[in-house]
């Protein structure tokens, strides 16, 4: 599972001009599920997302996680994070998880984050979405659940 995590002052997702998810300050997370990902990848990503200390404390240091900062999470499915560009200029998405399984994994991630007490909004899986955000900092972090296997 791959995630692009952005610290935002606000973020929203719309489908066909209709708002389907929006947050104020928090994390906008683009989520890509790869073939072979499972519940352990969801658990890894939920732990990372809920404990990533990228919000500023009273001293102006990045020392608070999303919950301690009182912020929310916007999850947006993004199968293009599975892109393989090692051969040629047209990306291959053959490592992307099948849509039904990917949707279940994304819903699992949402549930784990909500179980941590976080407010979570989402886009609409499989839809053509417009994502608007204000990246605060800017702070952008790349996470990959396969990193857990490297340690």
N, C-alpha and C. Protein backbone atom coordinates (compact mmCIF):
# COMPACT_ATOMS: atom_id res chain seq x y z
N UNK A 1 0.86 -1.17 0.00
CA UNK A 1 0.00 0.00 0.00
C UNK A 1 0.90 1.23 0.00
N UNK A 2 0.60 2.13 -0.88
CA UNK A 2 1.37 3.38 -0.98
C UNK A 2 0.47 4.55 -0.66
N UNK A 3 1.04 5.52 0.06
CA UNK A 3 0.30 6.73 0.39
C UNK A 3 1.16 7.96 0.16
N UNK A 4 0.54 8.98 -0.40
CA UNK A 4 1.13 10.31 -0.46
C UNK A 4 0.36 11.12 0.58
N UNK A 5 1.07 11.57 1.60
CA UNK A 5 0.45 12.25 2.74
C UNK A 5 0.82 13.73 2.66
N UNK A 6 -0.19 14.58 2.67
CA UNK A 6 0.05 16.01 2.65
C UNK A 6 -0.62 16.66 3.87
N UNK A 7 0.16 17.47 4.57
CA UNK A 7 -0.41 18.26 5.66
C UNK A 7 -1.12 19.45 5.01
N UNK A 8 -2.41 19.58 5.32
CA UNK A 8 -3.21 20.60 4.65
C UNK A 8 -3.90 21.51 5.65
N UNK A 9 -4.19 22.73 5.19
CA UNK A 9 -5.04 23.62 5.99
C UNK A 9 -6.50 23.37 5.64
N UNK A 10 -6.72 22.81 4.42
CA UNK A 10 -8.06 22.36 4.02
C UNK A 10 -7.91 21.49 2.77
N UNK A 11 -8.87 20.59 2.59
CA UNK A 11 -8.88 19.73 1.41
C UNK A 11 -10.31 19.27 1.15
N UNK A 12 -10.61 19.05 -0.13
CA UNK A 12 -11.95 18.57 -0.48
C UNK A 12 -11.88 17.73 -1.75
N UNK A 13 -12.91 16.90 -1.91
CA UNK A 13 -13.05 16.06 -3.10
C UNK A 13 -14.45 16.27 -3.63
N UNK A 14 -14.55 16.44 -4.94
CA UNK A 14 -15.86 16.56 -5.56
C UNK A 14 -15.93 15.61 -6.76
N UNK A 15 -17.15 15.19 -7.03
CA UNK A 15 -17.43 14.32 -8.18
C UNK A 15 -18.56 14.97 -8.96
N UNK A 16 -18.28 15.32 -10.20
CA UNK A 16 -19.29 15.96 -11.02
C UNK A 16 -19.81 17.26 -10.43
N UNK A 17 -18.95 18.00 -9.76
CA UNK A 17 -19.33 19.26 -9.15
C UNK A 17 -19.97 19.14 -7.78
N UNK A 18 -20.22 17.91 -7.32
CA UNK A 18 -20.82 17.68 -6.00
C UNK A 18 -19.73 17.34 -4.98
N UNK A 19 -19.70 18.06 -3.87
CA UNK A 19 -18.73 17.77 -2.81
C UNK A 19 -19.07 16.43 -2.16
N UNK A 20 -18.08 15.54 -2.08
CA UNK A 20 -18.31 14.23 -1.45
C UNK A 20 -17.49 14.05 -0.19
N UNK A 21 -16.52 14.91 0.05
CA UNK A 21 -15.71 14.85 1.26
C UNK A 21 -14.91 16.12 1.42
N UNK A 22 -14.80 16.60 2.65
CA UNK A 22 -14.03 17.83 2.90
C UNK A 22 -13.56 17.85 4.34
N UNK A 23 -12.37 18.41 4.55
CA UNK A 23 -11.83 18.60 5.89
C UNK A 23 -11.22 19.99 5.99
N UNK A 24 -11.06 20.44 7.21
CA UNK A 24 -10.27 21.63 7.48
C UNK A 24 -8.83 21.18 7.65
N UNK A 25 -8.14 21.65 8.68
CA UNK A 25 -6.75 21.23 8.89
C UNK A 25 -6.65 19.72 9.09
N UNK A 26 -5.60 19.14 8.53
CA UNK A 26 -5.39 17.72 8.72
C UNK A 26 -4.49 17.12 7.68
N UNK A 27 -4.81 15.86 7.33
CA UNK A 27 -4.03 15.11 6.35
C UNK A 27 -4.89 14.78 5.14
N UNK A 28 -4.40 15.10 3.96
CA UNK A 28 -4.98 14.63 2.72
C UNK A 28 -4.09 13.47 2.28
N UNK A 29 -4.68 12.28 2.18
CA UNK A 29 -3.91 11.08 1.91
C UNK A 29 -4.40 10.42 0.62
N UNK A 30 -3.53 10.37 -0.37
CA UNK A 30 -3.80 9.64 -1.60
C UNK A 30 -3.34 8.22 -1.36
N UNK A 31 -4.23 7.24 -1.58
CA UNK A 31 -3.97 5.85 -1.21
C UNK A 31 -4.01 4.95 -2.44
N UNK A 32 -2.94 4.20 -2.65
CA UNK A 32 -2.88 3.23 -3.73
C UNK A 32 -2.69 1.83 -3.18
N UNK A 33 -3.57 0.92 -3.54
CA UNK A 33 -3.46 -0.48 -3.10
C UNK A 33 -2.80 -1.29 -4.21
N UNK A 34 -1.81 -2.08 -3.83
CA UNK A 34 -1.07 -2.89 -4.79
C UNK A 34 -1.40 -4.36 -4.61
N UNK A 35 -1.29 -5.10 -5.70
CA UNK A 35 -1.53 -6.54 -5.66
C UNK A 35 -0.67 -7.14 -4.54
N UNK A 36 -1.30 -7.97 -3.72
CA UNK A 36 -0.58 -8.59 -2.60
C UNK A 36 -0.77 -7.88 -1.28
N UNK A 37 -1.30 -6.65 -1.29
CA UNK A 37 -1.57 -5.94 -0.04
C UNK A 37 -2.71 -6.63 0.70
N UNK A 38 -2.68 -6.55 2.02
CA UNK A 38 -3.71 -7.17 2.83
C UNK A 38 -3.94 -6.43 4.13
N UNK A 39 -4.60 -7.07 5.07
CA UNK A 39 -4.93 -6.43 6.34
C UNK A 39 -3.71 -5.92 7.11
N UNK A 40 -2.59 -6.63 7.02
CA UNK A 40 -1.39 -6.17 7.73
C UNK A 40 -0.87 -4.86 7.14
N UNK A 41 -1.05 -4.65 5.83
CA UNK A 41 -0.65 -3.40 5.21
C UNK A 41 -1.55 -2.26 5.68
N UNK A 42 -2.84 -2.55 5.82
CA UNK A 42 -3.79 -1.56 6.35
C UNK A 42 -3.41 -1.16 7.77
N UNK A 43 -3.12 -2.16 8.59
CA UNK A 43 -2.77 -1.89 9.99
C UNK A 43 -1.49 -1.06 10.07
N UNK A 44 -0.50 -1.41 9.25
CA UNK A 44 0.75 -0.65 9.21
C UNK A 44 0.47 0.80 8.84
N UNK A 45 -0.32 1.00 7.78
CA UNK A 45 -0.58 2.35 7.30
C UNK A 45 -1.42 3.14 8.31
N UNK A 46 -2.38 2.51 8.95
CA UNK A 46 -3.18 3.20 9.96
C UNK A 46 -2.31 3.67 11.11
N UNK A 47 -1.39 2.80 11.56
CA UNK A 47 -0.47 3.19 12.64
C UNK A 47 0.40 4.38 12.22
N UNK A 48 0.93 4.31 11.01
CA UNK A 48 1.80 5.38 10.52
C UNK A 48 1.02 6.69 10.40
N UNK A 49 -0.14 6.63 9.76
CA UNK A 49 -0.92 7.85 9.53
C UNK A 49 -1.38 8.48 10.84
N UNK A 50 -1.80 7.68 11.78
CA UNK A 50 -2.32 8.24 13.04
C UNK A 50 -1.21 8.74 13.95
N UNK A 51 0.01 8.29 13.75
CA UNK A 51 1.09 8.69 14.66
C UNK A 51 2.17 9.55 14.01
N UNK A 52 2.02 9.87 12.74
CA UNK A 52 3.00 10.69 12.04
C UNK A 52 3.01 12.09 12.63
N UNK A 53 4.13 12.47 13.21
CA UNK A 53 4.22 13.76 13.93
C UNK A 53 4.70 14.85 12.98
N UNK A 54 3.72 15.43 12.27
CA UNK A 54 4.06 16.47 11.29
C UNK A 54 3.28 17.77 11.51
N UNK A 55 2.58 17.86 12.64
CA UNK A 55 1.88 19.11 12.97
C UNK A 55 2.66 19.85 14.04
N UNK A 56 2.62 21.17 13.97
CA UNK A 56 3.46 21.97 14.86
C UNK A 56 2.86 22.10 16.26
N UNK A 57 3.76 22.07 17.24
CA UNK A 57 3.36 22.28 18.63
C UNK A 57 3.45 23.76 18.96
N UNK A 58 3.30 24.11 20.23
CA UNK A 58 3.31 25.51 20.64
C UNK A 58 4.67 26.17 20.45
N UNK A 59 5.72 25.36 20.28
CA UNK A 59 7.05 25.89 20.03
C UNK A 59 7.37 25.98 18.53
N UNK A 60 6.40 25.64 17.69
CA UNK A 60 6.60 25.71 16.26
C UNK A 60 7.36 24.52 15.68
N UNK A 61 7.50 23.45 16.45
CA UNK A 61 8.21 22.25 15.98
C UNK A 61 7.21 21.20 15.52
N UNK A 62 7.56 20.44 14.49
CA UNK A 62 6.70 19.35 14.04
C UNK A 62 6.81 18.24 15.09
N UNK A 63 5.82 18.21 15.99
CA UNK A 63 5.90 17.31 17.12
C UNK A 63 4.56 16.66 17.47
N UNK A 64 3.49 17.03 16.74
CA UNK A 64 2.15 16.52 17.05
C UNK A 64 1.64 15.64 15.92
N UNK A 65 0.92 14.58 16.30
CA UNK A 65 0.25 13.76 15.28
C UNK A 65 -1.12 14.37 14.99
N UNK A 66 -1.83 13.81 14.05
CA UNK A 66 -3.10 14.37 13.59
C UNK A 66 -4.14 14.42 14.71
N UNK A 67 -4.15 13.41 15.56
CA UNK A 67 -5.12 13.38 16.66
C UNK A 67 -4.78 14.44 17.71
N UNK A 68 -3.51 14.52 18.11
CA UNK A 68 -3.08 15.50 19.12
C UNK A 68 -3.33 16.93 18.64
N UNK A 69 -3.25 17.14 17.32
CA UNK A 69 -3.48 18.46 16.76
C UNK A 69 -4.98 18.75 16.62
N UNK A 70 -5.83 17.73 16.83
CA UNK A 70 -7.27 17.91 16.71
C UNK A 70 -7.74 18.04 15.27
N UNK A 71 -7.03 17.38 14.36
CA UNK A 71 -7.31 17.51 12.94
C UNK A 71 -7.97 16.26 12.36
N UNK A 72 -8.30 16.31 11.08
CA UNK A 72 -9.03 15.24 10.41
C UNK A 72 -8.19 14.64 9.28
N UNK A 73 -8.74 13.60 8.64
CA UNK A 73 -8.08 12.90 7.54
C UNK A 73 -9.04 12.81 6.36
N UNK A 74 -8.53 13.09 5.17
CA UNK A 74 -9.27 12.89 3.93
C UNK A 74 -8.53 11.81 3.14
N UNK A 75 -9.18 10.65 2.96
CA UNK A 75 -8.61 9.55 2.19
C UNK A 75 -9.15 9.58 0.77
N UNK A 76 -8.25 9.48 -0.21
CA UNK A 76 -8.66 9.51 -1.61
C UNK A 76 -7.99 8.33 -2.33
N UNK A 77 -8.79 7.45 -2.89
CA UNK A 77 -8.23 6.31 -3.63
C UNK A 77 -7.50 6.82 -4.87
N UNK A 78 -6.34 6.20 -5.14
CA UNK A 78 -5.49 6.69 -6.23
C UNK A 78 -4.71 5.51 -6.82
N UNK A 79 -5.35 4.76 -7.72
CA UNK A 79 -4.70 3.57 -8.27
C UNK A 79 -3.43 3.91 -9.03
N UNK A 80 -3.29 5.15 -9.50
CA UNK A 80 -2.10 5.51 -10.26
C UNK A 80 -0.83 5.51 -9.42
N UNK A 81 -0.96 5.38 -8.10
CA UNK A 81 0.24 5.24 -7.27
C UNK A 81 0.92 3.90 -7.49
N UNK A 82 0.26 2.99 -8.20
CA UNK A 82 0.85 1.70 -8.54
C UNK A 82 1.61 1.78 -9.86
N UNK A 83 1.74 2.96 -10.44
CA UNK A 83 2.36 3.11 -11.75
C UNK A 83 3.79 2.59 -11.77
N UNK A 84 4.11 1.87 -12.83
CA UNK A 84 5.46 1.42 -13.10
C UNK A 84 5.92 2.14 -14.36
N UNK A 85 6.93 2.97 -14.22
CA UNK A 85 7.43 3.75 -15.35
C UNK A 85 8.85 3.34 -15.75
N UNK A 86 9.25 2.13 -15.36
CA UNK A 86 10.62 1.70 -15.63
C UNK A 86 10.86 1.37 -17.10
N UNK A 87 9.81 1.15 -17.85
CA UNK A 87 9.96 0.79 -19.26
C UNK A 87 9.10 1.71 -20.11
N UNK A 88 9.74 2.59 -20.84
CA UNK A 88 9.00 3.48 -21.73
C UNK A 88 8.42 4.67 -21.01
N UNK A 89 7.49 5.33 -21.68
CA UNK A 89 6.90 6.56 -21.15
C UNK A 89 5.43 6.43 -20.81
N UNK A 90 4.85 5.27 -21.13
CA UNK A 90 3.45 5.04 -20.77
C UNK A 90 3.43 4.17 -19.52
N UNK A 91 2.90 4.68 -18.40
CA UNK A 91 2.91 3.90 -17.15
C UNK A 91 2.11 2.61 -17.27
N UNK A 92 2.59 1.59 -16.61
CA UNK A 92 1.86 0.33 -16.48
C UNK A 92 1.24 0.30 -15.10
N UNK A 93 0.01 -0.15 -15.03
CA UNK A 93 -0.69 -0.25 -13.75
C UNK A 93 -0.98 -1.70 -13.39
N UNK A 94 -0.19 -2.61 -13.93
CA UNK A 94 -0.44 -4.04 -13.72
C UNK A 94 -0.26 -4.46 -12.27
N UNK A 95 0.46 -3.69 -11.47
CA UNK A 95 0.62 -4.05 -10.06
C UNK A 95 -0.49 -3.49 -9.17
N UNK A 96 -1.43 -2.74 -9.76
CA UNK A 96 -2.55 -2.20 -8.98
C UNK A 96 -3.49 -3.35 -8.58
N UNK A 97 -4.02 -3.25 -7.38
CA UNK A 97 -4.95 -4.26 -6.90
C UNK A 97 -6.27 -4.16 -7.67
N UNK A 98 -6.95 -5.28 -7.83
CA UNK A 98 -8.26 -5.29 -8.48
C UNK A 98 -9.20 -4.35 -7.73
N UNK A 99 -10.08 -3.65 -8.45
CA UNK A 99 -10.93 -2.62 -7.83
C UNK A 99 -11.71 -3.07 -6.59
N UNK A 100 -12.40 -4.19 -6.63
CA UNK A 100 -13.21 -4.63 -5.48
C UNK A 100 -12.35 -4.83 -4.25
N UNK A 101 -11.22 -5.50 -4.41
CA UNK A 101 -10.32 -5.75 -3.28
C UNK A 101 -9.71 -4.45 -2.78
N UNK A 102 -9.36 -3.56 -3.70
CA UNK A 102 -8.78 -2.27 -3.31
C UNK A 102 -9.78 -1.44 -2.52
N UNK A 103 -11.05 -1.46 -2.94
CA UNK A 103 -12.09 -0.72 -2.23
C UNK A 103 -12.25 -1.27 -0.81
N UNK A 104 -12.23 -2.58 -0.67
CA UNK A 104 -12.34 -3.19 0.67
C UNK A 104 -11.16 -2.79 1.54
N UNK A 105 -9.96 -2.74 0.95
CA UNK A 105 -8.78 -2.36 1.71
C UNK A 105 -8.87 -0.90 2.16
N UNK A 106 -9.34 -0.02 1.27
CA UNK A 106 -9.49 1.39 1.62
C UNK A 106 -10.53 1.57 2.72
N UNK A 107 -11.63 0.83 2.64
CA UNK A 107 -12.65 0.89 3.69
C UNK A 107 -12.09 0.37 5.01
N UNK A 108 -11.24 -0.65 4.93
CA UNK A 108 -10.58 -1.17 6.13
C UNK A 108 -9.68 -0.13 6.76
N UNK A 109 -8.93 0.60 5.94
CA UNK A 109 -8.06 1.66 6.45
C UNK A 109 -8.88 2.75 7.11
N UNK A 110 -9.97 3.13 6.49
CA UNK A 110 -10.86 4.15 7.07
C UNK A 110 -11.37 3.69 8.43
N UNK A 111 -11.81 2.44 8.51
CA UNK A 111 -12.31 1.91 9.78
C UNK A 111 -11.25 1.89 10.87
N UNK A 112 -10.03 1.53 10.53
CA UNK A 112 -8.95 1.52 11.52
C UNK A 112 -8.64 2.93 12.02
N UNK A 113 -8.64 3.89 11.12
CA UNK A 113 -8.39 5.28 11.53
C UNK A 113 -9.52 5.81 12.42
N UNK A 114 -10.76 5.47 12.06
CA UNK A 114 -11.90 5.90 12.88
C UNK A 114 -11.83 5.23 14.26
N UNK A 115 -11.37 3.99 14.32
CA UNK A 115 -11.23 3.30 15.60
C UNK A 115 -10.19 3.98 16.48
N UNK A 116 -9.27 4.72 15.85
CA UNK A 116 -8.27 5.50 16.59
C UNK A 116 -8.85 6.83 17.08
N UNK A 117 -10.12 7.07 16.76
CA UNK A 117 -10.77 8.30 17.19
C UNK A 117 -10.64 9.45 16.22
N UNK A 118 -10.21 9.16 15.00
CA UNK A 118 -10.02 10.22 14.01
C UNK A 118 -11.27 10.44 13.18
N UNK A 119 -11.50 11.70 12.81
CA UNK A 119 -12.57 12.03 11.87
C UNK A 119 -12.01 11.77 10.48
N UNK A 120 -12.69 10.93 9.69
CA UNK A 120 -12.20 10.55 8.37
C UNK A 120 -13.27 10.80 7.32
N UNK A 121 -12.88 11.51 6.28
CA UNK A 121 -13.72 11.73 5.11
C UNK A 121 -13.06 10.98 3.95
N UNK A 122 -13.84 10.68 2.91
CA UNK A 122 -13.28 9.99 1.74
C UNK A 122 -13.80 10.60 0.46
N UNK A 123 -13.12 10.24 -0.61
CA UNK A 123 -13.63 10.54 -1.94
C UNK A 123 -14.64 9.46 -2.30
N UNK A 124 -14.89 9.28 -3.59
CA UNK A 124 -15.80 8.23 -4.06
C UNK A 124 -14.98 7.26 -4.90
N UNK A 125 -14.87 6.04 -4.40
CA UNK A 125 -14.03 5.04 -5.04
C UNK A 125 -14.44 4.83 -6.50
N UNK A 126 -13.44 4.83 -7.39
CA UNK A 126 -13.67 4.55 -8.80
C UNK A 126 -14.22 5.70 -9.62
N UNK A 127 -14.55 6.81 -8.97
CA UNK A 127 -15.12 7.95 -9.69
C UNK A 127 -14.00 8.86 -10.19
N UNK A 128 -14.31 9.67 -11.19
CA UNK A 128 -13.40 10.72 -11.62
C UNK A 128 -13.58 11.86 -10.62
N UNK A 129 -12.55 12.07 -9.81
CA UNK A 129 -12.65 13.03 -8.71
C UNK A 129 -11.80 14.26 -8.97
N UNK A 130 -12.26 15.38 -8.46
CA UNK A 130 -11.46 16.60 -8.42
C UNK A 130 -11.06 16.80 -6.97
N UNK A 131 -9.76 16.85 -6.73
CA UNK A 131 -9.24 17.02 -5.38
C UNK A 131 -8.64 18.41 -5.28
N UNK A 132 -9.11 19.17 -4.30
CA UNK A 132 -8.56 20.50 -4.04
C UNK A 132 -7.96 20.50 -2.65
N UNK A 133 -6.77 21.09 -2.53
CA UNK A 133 -6.15 21.15 -1.22
C UNK A 133 -5.20 22.33 -1.14
N UNK A 134 -4.96 22.74 0.09
CA UNK A 134 -3.93 23.74 0.37
C UNK A 134 -2.89 23.02 1.22
N UNK A 135 -1.75 22.71 0.60
CA UNK A 135 -0.66 22.01 1.27
C UNK A 135 0.04 22.99 2.18
N UNK A 136 -0.02 22.73 3.47
CA UNK A 136 0.54 23.64 4.47
C UNK A 136 1.99 23.29 4.72
N UNK A 137 2.86 24.24 4.51
CA UNK A 137 4.29 24.04 4.79
C UNK A 137 5.17 24.42 3.61
N UNK A 138 5.17 23.71 2.53
CA UNK A 138 4.47 22.45 2.25
C UNK A 138 5.12 21.27 2.96
N UNK A 139 4.28 20.35 3.38
CA UNK A 139 4.74 19.10 3.98
C UNK A 139 4.10 17.96 3.19
N UNK A 140 4.93 17.14 2.57
CA UNK A 140 4.47 15.98 1.80
C UNK A 140 5.37 14.80 2.14
N UNK A 141 4.76 13.68 2.54
CA UNK A 141 5.50 12.49 2.96
C UNK A 141 5.02 11.31 2.12
N UNK A 142 5.94 10.47 1.69
CA UNK A 142 5.61 9.24 0.97
C UNK A 142 5.71 8.07 1.94
N UNK A 143 4.68 7.24 1.98
CA UNK A 143 4.68 6.05 2.81
C UNK A 143 4.42 4.82 1.94
N UNK A 144 5.08 3.72 2.25
CA UNK A 144 4.89 2.48 1.53
C UNK A 144 4.89 1.36 2.56
N UNK A 145 3.82 0.57 2.62
CA UNK A 145 3.73 -0.48 3.62
C UNK A 145 4.80 -1.55 3.40
N UNK A 146 5.36 -1.62 2.22
CA UNK A 146 6.44 -2.58 1.99
C UNK A 146 7.71 -2.21 2.75
N UNK A 147 7.79 -0.96 3.20
CA UNK A 147 8.95 -0.52 3.99
C UNK A 147 9.05 -1.32 5.30
N UNK A 148 7.91 -1.77 5.83
CA UNK A 148 7.91 -2.53 7.08
C UNK A 148 8.69 -3.84 6.91
N UNK A 149 8.74 -4.33 5.69
CA UNK A 149 9.42 -5.61 5.42
C UNK A 149 10.93 -5.41 5.27
N UNK A 150 11.37 -4.18 5.09
CA UNK A 150 12.79 -3.89 4.90
C UNK A 150 13.53 -3.75 6.22
N UNK A 151 12.80 -3.57 7.30
CA UNK A 151 13.44 -3.34 8.61
C UNK A 151 13.65 -4.63 9.35
